[in-house]
């Protein structure tokens, strides 16, 4: 999935994602139509906020913007705020 496709899923500076931690590498897998969210594999473990930190770094670098987690810090389903 390229940068332009990702931008098409951002609505009002928000992006919904579903995270799968402990994956072989951090990458965007696909768009989940039923949940209206991007499926993202994350290499980091879900403990000690490691997966959340990796999600923020990954999307900040990818989008070249400041990214934070608006909701879902303790859930696989997260809502990112892109500034």
C-alpha atoms as a PDB file:
ATOM      1  CA  UNK A   1       0.000   0.000   0.000  1.00  0.00           C
ATOM      2  CA  UNK A   2       1.514   3.311  -1.045  1.00  0.00           C
ATOM      3  CA  UNK A   3       1.448   6.722   0.596  1.00  0.00           C
ATOM      4  CA  UNK A   4      -1.388   8.004  -1.614  1.00  0.00           C
ATOM      5  CA  UNK A   5      -3.625   5.038  -0.739  1.00  0.00           C
ATOM      6  CA  UNK A   6      -3.046   5.604   2.972  1.00  0.00           C
ATOM      7  CA  UNK A   7      -4.006   9.278   2.655  1.00  0.00           C
ATOM      8  CA  UNK A   8      -7.303   8.244   1.074  1.00  0.00           C
ATOM      9  CA  UNK A   9      -8.234   6.477   4.333  1.00  0.00           C
ATOM     10  CA  UNK A  10      -7.476   9.476   6.561  1.00  0.00           C
ATOM     11  CA  UNK A  11     -10.648  11.292   7.541  1.00  0.00           C
ATOM     12  CA  UNK A  12     -10.614  14.560   9.525  1.00  0.00           C
ATOM     13  CA  UNK A  13      -6.956  13.923  10.433  1.00  0.00           C
ATOM     14  CA  UNK A  14      -7.891  10.522  11.890  1.00  0.00           C
ATOM     15  CA  UNK A  15      -6.882   7.047  10.783  1.00  0.00           C
ATOM     16  CA  UNK A  16      -8.341   3.847  12.226  1.00  0.00           C
ATOM     17  CA  UNK A  17      -5.969   0.880  12.456  1.00  0.00           C
ATOM     18  CA  UNK A  18      -6.039  -2.692  13.739  1.00  0.00           C
ATOM     19  CA  UNK A  19      -2.687  -3.774  15.137  1.00  0.00           C
ATOM     20  CA  UNK A  20      -1.261  -7.280  15.274  1.00  0.00           C
ATOM     21  CA  UNK A  21       1.824  -7.246  17.547  1.00  0.00           C
ATOM     22  CA  UNK A  22       4.681  -9.798  17.573  1.00  0.00           C
ATOM     23  CA  UNK A  23       4.781  -9.982  13.767  1.00  0.00           C
ATOM     24  CA  UNK A  24       7.926 -10.739  11.751  1.00  0.00           C
ATOM     25  CA  UNK A  25       8.092  -7.092  10.582  1.00  0.00           C
ATOM     26  CA  UNK A  26       6.192  -3.831  10.810  1.00  0.00           C
ATOM     27  CA  UNK A  27       4.070  -3.305   7.713  1.00  0.00           C
ATOM     28  CA  UNK A  28       0.626  -2.352   6.472  1.00  0.00           C
ATOM     29  CA  UNK A  29      -1.233  -5.456   5.350  1.00  0.00           C
ATOM     30  CA  UNK A  30      -4.539  -4.273   3.876  1.00  0.00           C
ATOM     31  CA  UNK A  31      -7.659  -2.175   4.259  1.00  0.00           C
ATOM     32  CA  UNK A  32     -10.374  -3.930   6.265  1.00  0.00           C
ATOM     33  CA  UNK A  33     -13.663  -2.903   4.616  1.00  0.00           C
ATOM     34  CA  UNK A  34     -15.879  -4.352   7.347  1.00  0.00           C
ATOM     35  CA  UNK A  35     -14.119  -2.442  10.139  1.00  0.00           C
ATOM     36  CA  UNK A  36     -13.107   0.624   8.121  1.00  0.00           C
ATOM     37  CA  UNK A  37      -9.528   0.350   9.316  1.00  0.00           C
ATOM     38  CA  UNK A  38      -6.021  -0.431   8.114  1.00  0.00           C
ATOM     39  CA  UNK A  39      -4.610  -3.775   9.221  1.00  0.00           C
ATOM     40  CA  UNK A  40      -1.057  -3.292  10.469  1.00  0.00           C
ATOM     41  CA  UNK A  41       1.497  -5.862  11.584  1.00  0.00           C
ATOM     42  CA  UNK A  42       3.911  -4.597  14.246  1.00  0.00           C
ATOM     43  CA  UNK A  43       7.176  -6.295  15.119  1.00  0.00           C
ATOM     44  CA  UNK A  44       7.195  -5.050  18.741  1.00  0.00           C
ATOM     45  CA  UNK A  45       5.588  -6.826  21.674  1.00  0.00           C
ATOM     46  CA  UNK A  46       2.399  -5.406  23.203  1.00  0.00           C
ATOM     47  CA  UNK A  47       4.063  -5.093  26.624  1.00  0.00           C
ATOM     48  CA  UNK A  48       5.504  -1.888  28.109  1.00  0.00           C
ATOM     49  CA  UNK A  49       3.865   0.231  25.388  1.00  0.00           C
ATOM     50  CA  UNK A  50       6.404  -1.060  22.829  1.00  0.00           C
ATOM     51  CA  UNK A  51       3.849  -1.740  20.069  1.00  0.00           C
ATOM     52  CA  UNK A  52       2.241   1.695  20.506  1.00  0.00           C
ATOM     53  CA  UNK A  53       5.634   3.388  20.285  1.00  0.00           C
ATOM     54  CA  UNK A  54       6.468   1.465  17.122  1.00  0.00           C
ATOM     55  CA  UNK A  55       3.095   2.356  15.555  1.00  0.00           C
ATOM     56  CA  UNK A  56       3.716   6.060  16.209  1.00  0.00           C
ATOM     57  CA  UNK A  57       7.264   5.922  14.787  1.00  0.00           C
ATOM     58  CA  UNK A  58       6.165   3.903  11.742  1.00  0.00           C
ATOM     59  CA  UNK A  59       3.290   6.200  10.742  1.00  0.00           C
ATOM     60  CA  UNK A  60       5.219   9.402  11.574  1.00  0.00           C
ATOM     61  CA  UNK A  61       8.015   8.339   9.245  1.00  0.00           C
ATOM     62  CA  UNK A  62       5.611   7.096   6.564  1.00  0.00           C
ATOM     63  CA  UNK A  63       3.364  10.166   6.532  1.00  0.00           C
ATOM     64  CA  UNK A  64       6.100  12.678   7.434  1.00  0.00           C
ATOM     65  CA  UNK A  65       3.760  14.224  10.017  1.00  0.00           C
ATOM     66  CA  UNK A  66       3.291  14.148  13.773  1.00  0.00           C
ATOM     67  CA  UNK A  67       1.186  11.125  14.766  1.00  0.00           C
ATOM     68  CA  UNK A  68      -0.331  10.266  18.137  1.00  0.00           C
ATOM     69  CA  UNK A  69      -2.751   7.653  19.405  1.00  0.00           C
ATOM     70  CA  UNK A  70      -6.061   9.336  20.190  1.00  0.00           C
ATOM     71  CA  UNK A  71      -7.760   6.200  21.505  1.00  0.00           C
ATOM     72  CA  UNK A  72      -7.098   2.492  21.885  1.00  0.00           C
ATOM     73  CA  UNK A  73      -3.729   2.472  23.636  1.00  0.00           C
ATOM     74  CA  UNK A  74      -4.688  -0.797  25.376  1.00  0.00           C
ATOM     75  CA  UNK A  75      -6.560  -2.284  22.422  1.00  0.00           C
ATOM     76  CA  UNK A  76      -5.713  -3.748  19.021  1.00  0.00           C
ATOM     77  CA  UNK A  77      -8.104  -1.225  17.477  1.00  0.00           C
ATOM     78  CA  UNK A  78      -6.587   2.252  17.587  1.00  0.00           C
ATOM     79  CA  UNK A  79      -7.493   5.683  16.321  1.00  0.00           C
ATOM     80  CA  UNK A  80      -4.508   7.734  15.186  1.00  0.00           C
ATOM     81  CA  UNK A  81      -4.463  11.531  15.114  1.00  0.00           C
ATOM     82  CA  UNK A  82      -2.368  12.929  12.263  1.00  0.00           C
ATOM     83  CA  UNK A  83      -1.272  16.546  12.740  1.00  0.00           C
END
